[in-house]
């Protein structure tokens, strides 16, 4: 019977140590979401071409596009 109590107390002690370590650690900060960038070639007046960097926010969706018949 003494061995059972030793096992029970050691399990509770291990759980207490894990709980203290979990609550004492700082949460990891996630990096800010990156914005998508694309480079486009734009033809200006006189046929001169320019490179333009377009920044767009990144977003995800679970909705699908409707099919047009």
PDB file of N, CA and C in Angstrom:
ATOM      1  N   UNK A   1       0.825  -1.195   0.000  1.00  0.00           N
ATOM      2  CA  UNK A   1       0.000   0.000   0.000  1.00  0.00           C
ATOM      3  C   UNK A   1       0.871   1.261   0.000  1.00  0.00           C
ATOM      4  N   UNK A   2       2.029   1.147   0.644  1.00  0.00           N
ATOM      5  CA  UNK A   2       2.933   2.292   0.717  1.00  0.00           C
ATOM      6  C   UNK A   2       3.462   2.652  -0.676  1.00  0.00           C
ATOM      7  N   UNK A   3       3.706   1.652  -1.512  1.00  0.00           N
ATOM      8  CA  UNK A   3       4.199   1.902  -2.860  1.00  0.00           C
ATOM      9  C   UNK A   3       3.148   2.651  -3.688  1.00  0.00           C
ATOM     10  N   UNK A   4       1.890   2.327  -3.495  1.00  0.00           N
ATOM     11  CA  UNK A   4       0.827   3.010  -4.230  1.00  0.00           C
ATOM     12  C   UNK A   4       0.811   4.486  -3.883  1.00  0.00           C
ATOM     13  N   UNK A   5       0.930   4.832  -2.605  1.00  0.00           N
ATOM     14  CA  UNK A   5       0.931   6.236  -2.191  1.00  0.00           C
ATOM     15  C   UNK A   5       2.161   6.964  -2.727  1.00  0.00           C
ATOM     16  N   UNK A   6       3.285   6.283  -2.772  1.00  0.00           N
ATOM     17  CA  UNK A   6       4.497   6.890  -3.315  1.00  0.00           C
ATOM     18  C   UNK A   6       4.307   7.187  -4.802  1.00  0.00           C
ATOM     19  N   UNK A   7       3.706   6.266  -5.535  1.00  0.00           N
ATOM     20  CA  UNK A   7       3.456   6.474  -6.959  1.00  0.00           C
ATOM     21  C   UNK A   7       2.479   7.622  -7.159  1.00  0.00           C
ATOM     22  N   UNK A   8       1.398   7.662  -6.380  1.00  0.00           N
ATOM     23  CA  UNK A   8       0.405   8.727  -6.502  1.00  0.00           C
ATOM     24  C   UNK A   8       1.029  10.081  -6.206  1.00  0.00           C
ATOM     25  N   UNK A   9       1.802  10.179  -5.147  1.00  0.00           N
ATOM     26  CA  UNK A   9       2.440  11.448  -4.795  1.00  0.00           C
ATOM     27  C   UNK A   9       3.481  11.862  -5.831  1.00  0.00           C
ATOM     28  N   UNK A  10       4.206  10.916  -6.395  1.00  0.00           N
ATOM     29  CA  UNK A  10       5.209  11.279  -7.403  1.00  0.00           C
ATOM     30  C   UNK A  10       4.540  11.755  -8.697  1.00  0.00           C
ATOM     31  N   UNK A  11       3.400  11.160  -9.050  1.00  0.00           N
ATOM     32  CA  UNK A  11       2.682  11.621 -10.238  1.00  0.00           C
ATOM     33  C   UNK A  11       2.157  13.031 -10.020  1.00  0.00           C
ATOM     34  N   UNK A  12       1.581  13.307  -8.841  1.00  0.00           N
ATOM     35  CA  UNK A  12       1.088  14.655  -8.539  1.00  0.00           C
ATOM     36  C   UNK A  12       2.231  15.663  -8.526  1.00  0.00           C
ATOM     37  N   UNK A  13       3.389  15.278  -7.993  1.00  0.00           N
ATOM     38  CA  UNK A  13       4.539  16.181  -7.968  1.00  0.00           C
ATOM     39  C   UNK A  13       5.011  16.491  -9.389  1.00  0.00           C
ATOM     40  N   UNK A  14       5.031  15.479 -10.255  1.00  0.00           N
ATOM     41  CA  UNK A  14       5.446  15.699 -11.635  1.00  0.00           C
ATOM     42  C   UNK A  14       4.455  16.617 -12.354  1.00  0.00           C
ATOM     43  N   UNK A  15       3.160  16.402 -12.133  1.00  0.00           N
ATOM     44  CA  UNK A  15       2.168  17.277 -12.752  1.00  0.00           C
ATOM     45  C   UNK A  15       2.282  18.707 -12.240  1.00  0.00           C
ATOM     46  N   UNK A  16       2.584  18.881 -10.967  1.00  0.00           N
ATOM     47  CA  UNK A  16       2.751  20.224 -10.414  1.00  0.00           C
ATOM     48  C   UNK A  16       3.961  20.924 -11.035  1.00  0.00           C
ATOM     49  N   UNK A  17       5.045  20.193 -11.231  1.00  0.00           N
ATOM     50  CA  UNK A  17       6.246  20.781 -11.843  1.00  0.00           C
ATOM     51  C   UNK A  17       5.964  21.177 -13.288  1.00  0.00           C
ATOM     52  N   UNK A  18       5.278  20.331 -14.025  1.00  0.00           N
ATOM     53  CA  UNK A  18       4.942  20.643 -15.416  1.00  0.00           C
ATOM     54  C   UNK A  18       4.024  21.856 -15.476  1.00  0.00           C
ATOM     55  N   UNK A  19       3.053  21.946 -14.562  1.00  0.00           N
ATOM     56  CA  UNK A  19       2.140  23.090 -14.547  1.00  0.00           C
ATOM     57  C   UNK A  19       2.877  24.383 -14.249  1.00  0.00           C
ATOM     58  N   UNK A  20       3.783  24.359 -13.293  1.00  0.00           N
ATOM     59  CA  UNK A  20       4.555  25.567 -12.955  1.00  0.00           C
ATOM     60  C   UNK A  20       5.411  25.993 -14.137  1.00  0.00           C
ATOM     61  N   UNK A  21       6.042  25.041 -14.805  1.00  0.00           N
ATOM     62  CA  UNK A  21       6.864  25.384 -15.966  1.00  0.00           C
ATOM     63  C   UNK A  21       6.017  25.924 -17.119  1.00  0.00           C
ATOM     64  N   UNK A  22       4.823  25.387 -17.295  1.00  0.00           N
ATOM     65  CA  UNK A  22       3.959  25.852 -18.378  1.00  0.00           C
ATOM     66  C   UNK A  22       3.464  27.270 -18.121  1.00  0.00           C
ATOM     67  N   UNK A  23       3.099  27.570 -16.897  1.00  0.00           N
ATOM     68  CA  UNK A  23       2.574  28.903 -16.605  1.00  0.00           C
ATOM     69  C   UNK A  23       3.668  29.950 -16.450  1.00  0.00           C
ATOM     70  N   UNK A  24       4.885  29.536 -16.180  1.00  0.00           N
ATOM     71  CA  UNK A  24       5.957  30.515 -15.988  1.00  0.00           C
ATOM     72  C   UNK A  24       6.629  30.899 -17.306  1.00  0.00           C
ATOM     73  N   UNK A  25       6.428  30.118 -18.362  1.00  0.00           N
ATOM     74  CA  UNK A  25       7.071  30.451 -19.630  1.00  0.00           C
ATOM     75  C   UNK A  25       6.271  31.516 -20.356  1.00  0.00           C
ATOM     76  N   UNK A  26       6.973  32.351 -21.097  1.00  0.00           N
ATOM     77  CA  UNK A  26       6.335  33.417 -21.861  1.00  0.00           C
ATOM     78  C   UNK A  26       5.828  32.865 -23.184  1.00  0.00           C
ATOM     79  N   UNK A  27       4.680  33.324 -23.625  1.00  0.00           N
ATOM     80  CA  UNK A  27       4.204  32.857 -24.932  1.00  0.00           C
ATOM     81  C   UNK A  27       5.074  33.421 -26.056  1.00  0.00           C
ATOM     82  N   UNK A  28       5.235  32.649 -27.093  1.00  0.00           N
ATOM     83  CA  UNK A  28       6.047  33.057 -28.240  1.00  0.00           C
ATOM     84  C   UNK A  28       5.226  34.010 -29.097  1.00  0.00           C
ATOM     85  N   UNK A  29       5.796  35.168 -29.388  1.00  0.00           N
ATOM     86  CA  UNK A  29       5.101  36.154 -30.214  1.00  0.00           C
ATOM     87  C   UNK A  29       5.185  35.727 -31.676  1.00  0.00           C
ATOM     88  N   UNK A  30       4.070  35.750 -32.363  1.00  0.00           N
ATOM     89  CA  UNK A  30       4.067  35.384 -33.773  1.00  0.00           C
ATOM     90  C   UNK A  30       4.463  36.606 -34.607  1.00  0.00           C
ATOM     91  N   UNK A  31       5.187  36.381 -35.693  1.00  0.00           N
ATOM     92  CA  UNK A  31       5.599  37.508 -36.532  1.00  0.00           C
ATOM     93  C   UNK A  31       4.391  38.118 -37.227  1.00  0.00           C
ATOM     94  N   UNK A  32       4.454  39.407 -37.534  1.00  0.00           N
ATOM     95  CA  UNK A  32       3.326  40.028 -38.240  1.00  0.00           C
ATOM     96  C   UNK A  32       3.168  39.410 -39.618  1.00  0.00           C
ATOM     97  N   UNK A  33       1.940  39.351 -40.108  1.00  0.00           N
ATOM     98  CA  UNK A  33       1.740  38.745 -41.427  1.00  0.00           C
ATOM     99  C   UNK A  33       2.419  39.564 -42.528  1.00  0.00           C
ATOM    100  N   UNK A  34       3.023  38.853 -43.424  1.00  0.00           N
ATOM    101  CA  UNK A  34       3.726  39.519 -44.531  1.00  0.00           C
ATOM    102  C   UNK A  34       2.725  39.925 -45.603  1.00  0.00           C
ATOM    103  N   UNK A  35       3.043  41.004 -46.268  1.00  0.00           N
ATOM    104  CA  UNK A  35       2.163  41.424 -47.359  1.00  0.00           C
ATOM    105  C   UNK A  35       2.729  40.892 -48.671  1.00  0.00           C
ATOM    106  N   UNK A  36       1.847  40.537 -49.541  1.00  0.00           N
ATOM    107  CA  UNK A  36       2.259  39.994 -50.838  1.00  0.00           C
ATOM    108  C   UNK A  36       2.743  41.135 -51.735  1.00  0.00           C
ATOM    109  N   UNK A  37       3.783  40.874 -52.466  1.00  0.00           N
ATOM    110  CA  UNK A  37       4.311  41.875 -53.382  1.00  0.00           C
ATOM    111  C   UNK A  37       4.407  41.263 -54.766  1.00  0.00           C
ATOM    112  N   UNK A  38       4.054  42.046 -55.736  1.00  0.00           N
ATOM    113  CA  UNK A  38       4.226  41.621 -57.115  1.00  0.00           C
ATOM    114  C   UNK A  38       4.777  42.788 -57.910  1.00  0.00           C
ATOM    115  N   UNK A  39       5.544  42.459 -58.928  1.00  0.00           N
ATOM    116  CA  UNK A  39       6.145  43.473 -59.786  1.00  0.00           C
ATOM    117  C   UNK A  39       5.427  43.429 -61.123  1.00  0.00           C
ATOM    118  N   UNK A  40       5.004  44.580 -61.587  1.00  0.00           N
ATOM    119  CA  UNK A  40       4.306  44.663 -62.873  1.00  0.00           C
ATOM    120  C   UNK A  40       5.013  45.658 -63.779  1.00  0.00           C
ATOM    121  N   UNK A  41       4.934  45.378 -65.055  1.00  0.00           N
ATOM    122  CA  UNK A  41       5.493  46.276 -66.055  1.00  0.00           C
ATOM    123  C   UNK A  41       4.345  47.121 -66.600  1.00  0.00           C
ATOM    124  N   UNK A  42       4.477  48.434 -66.462  1.00  0.00           N
ATOM    125  CA  UNK A  42       3.444  49.363 -66.913  1.00  0.00           C
ATOM    126  C   UNK A  42       4.025  50.190 -68.050  1.00  0.00           C
ATOM    127  N   UNK A  43       3.277  50.266 -69.135  1.00  0.00           N
ATOM    128  CA  UNK A  43       3.716  51.073 -70.274  1.00  0.00           C
ATOM    129  C   UNK A  43       3.114  52.461 -70.144  1.00  0.00           C
ATOM    130  N   UNK A  44       3.978  53.457 -70.090  1.00  0.00           N
ATOM    131  CA  UNK A  44       3.544  54.837 -69.928  1.00  0.00           C
ATOM    132  C   UNK A  44       3.413  55.535 -71.269  1.00  0.00           C
ATOM    133  N   UNK A  45       3.223  56.853 -71.225  1.00  0.00           N
ATOM    134  CA  UNK A  45       3.109  57.615 -72.473  1.00  0.00           C
ATOM    135  C   UNK A  45       4.419  57.551 -73.265  1.00  0.00           C
ATOM    136  N   UNK A  46       4.283  57.463 -74.544  1.00  0.00           N
ATOM    137  CA  UNK A  46       5.465  57.385 -75.407  1.00  0.00           C
ATOM    138  C   UNK A  46       6.046  55.987 -75.463  1.00  0.00           C
ATOM    139  N   UNK A  47       5.354  54.987 -74.899  1.00  0.00           N
ATOM    140  CA  UNK A  47       5.835  53.608 -74.958  1.00  0.00           C
ATOM    141  C   UNK A  47       6.913  53.279 -73.944  1.00  0.00           C
ATOM    142  N   UNK A  48       7.193  54.187 -72.996  1.00  0.00           N
ATOM    143  CA  UNK A  48       8.222  53.928 -72.006  1.00  0.00           C
ATOM    144  C   UNK A  48       7.684  52.961 -70.953  1.00  0.00           C
ATOM    145  N   UNK A  49       8.479  51.940 -70.613  1.00  0.00           N
ATOM    146  CA  UNK A  49       8.040  50.930 -69.652  1.00  0.00           C
ATOM    147  C   UNK A  49       8.614  51.224 -68.268  1.00  0.00           C
ATOM    148  N   UNK A  50       7.780  51.008 -67.240  1.00  0.00           N
ATOM    149  CA  UNK A  50       8.184  51.221 -65.851  1.00  0.00           C
ATOM    150  C   UNK A  50       7.874  49.958 -65.051  1.00  0.00           C
ATOM    151  N   UNK A  51       8.731  49.657 -64.080  1.00  0.00           N
ATOM    152  CA  UNK A  51       8.463  48.570 -63.145  1.00  0.00           C
ATOM    153  C   UNK A  51       7.750  49.160 -61.932  1.00  0.00           C
ATOM    154  N   UNK A  52       6.622  48.568 -61.568  1.00  0.00           N
ATOM    155  CA  UNK A  52       5.838  49.041 -60.440  1.00  0.00           C
ATOM    156  C   UNK A  52       5.707  47.897 -59.445  1.00  0.00           C
ATOM    157  N   UNK A  53       6.027  48.146 -58.162  1.00  0.00           N
ATOM    158  CA  UNK A  53       5.857  47.155 -57.103  1.00  0.00           C
ATOM    159  C   UNK A  53       4.485  47.369 -56.483  1.00  0.00           C
ATOM    160  N   UNK A  54       3.655  46.321 -56.528  1.00  0.00           N
ATOM    161  CA  UNK A  54       2.306  46.398 -55.986  1.00  0.00           C
ATOM    162  C   UNK A  54       2.267  45.589 -54.700  1.00  0.00           C
ATOM    163  N   UNK A  55       1.877  46.250 -53.592  1.00  0.00           N
ATOM    164  CA  UNK A  55       1.762  45.561 -52.308  1.00  0.00           C
ATOM    165  C   UNK A  55       0.288  45.323 -52.016  1.00  0.00           C
ATOM    166  N   UNK A  56      -0.035  44.094 -51.681  1.00  0.00           N
ATOM    167  CA  UNK A  56      -1.424  43.748 -51.370  1.00  0.00           C
ATOM    168  C   UNK A  56      -1.435  42.948 -50.069  1.00  0.00           C
ATOM    169  N   UNK A  57      -2.422  43.158 -49.223  1.00  0.00           N
ATOM    170  CA  UNK A  57      -2.488  42.377 -47.978  1.00  0.00           C
ATOM    171  C   UNK A  57      -2.785  40.908 -48.286  1.00  0.00           C
ATOM    172  N   UNK A  58      -2.214  40.043 -47.451  1.00  0.00           N
ATOM    173  CA  UNK A  58      -2.424  38.612 -47.610  1.00  0.00           C
ATOM    174  C   UNK A  58      -3.650  38.221 -46.807  1.00  0.00           C
ATOM    175  N   UNK A  59      -4.546  37.513 -47.424  1.00  0.00           N
ATOM    176  CA  UNK A  59      -5.701  37.002 -46.704  1.00  0.00           C
ATOM    177  C   UNK A  59      -6.091  35.654 -47.293  1.00  0.00           C
ATOM    178  N   UNK A  60      -6.655  34.850 -46.464  1.00  0.00           N
ATOM    179  CA  UNK A  60      -7.086  33.531 -46.903  1.00  0.00           C
ATOM    180  C   UNK A  60      -8.587  33.418 -46.728  1.00  0.00           C
ATOM    181  N   UNK A  61      -9.181  32.630 -47.571  1.00  0.00           N
ATOM    182  CA  UNK A  61     -10.614  32.415 -47.461  1.00  0.00           C
ATOM    183  C   UNK A  61     -10.917  30.953 -47.697  1.00  0.00           C
ATOM    184  N   UNK A  62     -12.001  30.508 -47.108  1.00  0.00           N
ATOM    185  CA  UNK A  62     -12.423  29.136 -47.339  1.00  0.00           C
ATOM    186  C   UNK A  62     -13.524  29.057 -48.367  1.00  0.00           C
ATOM    187  N   UNK A  63     -14.024  30.218 -48.792  1.00  0.00           N
ATOM    188  CA  UNK A  63     -15.095  30.234 -49.782  1.00  0.00           C
ATOM    189  C   UNK A  63     -14.492  30.053 -51.174  1.00  0.00           C
ATOM    190  N   UNK A  64     -15.211  29.348 -52.010  1.00  0.00           N
ATOM    191  CA  UNK A  64     -14.757  29.158 -53.381  1.00  0.00           C
ATOM    192  C   UNK A  64     -15.535  30.083 -54.299  1.00  0.00           C
ATOM    193  N   UNK A  65     -14.968  30.363 -55.437  1.00  0.00           N
ATOM    194  CA  UNK A  65     -15.626  31.231 -56.401  1.00  0.00           C
ATOM    195  C   UNK A  65     -16.766  30.488 -57.074  1.00  0.00           C
ATOM    196  N   UNK A  66     -17.819  31.217 -57.358  1.00  0.00           N
ATOM    197  CA  UNK A  66     -18.960  30.624 -58.047  1.00  0.00           C
ATOM    198  C   UNK A  66     -18.628  30.442 -59.505  1.00  0.00           C
ATOM    199  N   UNK A  67     -19.095  29.361 -60.086  1.00  0.00           N
ATOM    200  CA  UNK A  67     -18.867  29.076 -61.490  1.00  0.00           C
ATOM    201  C   UNK A  67     -19.986  29.737 -62.296  1.00  0.00           C
ATOM    202  N   UNK A  68     -19.595  30.536 -63.271  1.00  0.00           N
ATOM    203  CA  UNK A  68     -20.565  31.219 -64.127  1.00  0.00           C
ATOM    204  C   UNK A  68     -20.743  30.398 -65.390  1.00  0.00           C
ATOM    205  N   UNK A  69     -21.978  30.058 -65.709  1.00  0.00           N
ATOM    206  CA  UNK A  69     -22.243  29.249 -66.912  1.00  0.00           C
ATOM    207  C   UNK A  69     -22.676  30.119 -68.032  1.00  0.00           C
TER     208      UNK A  69
END
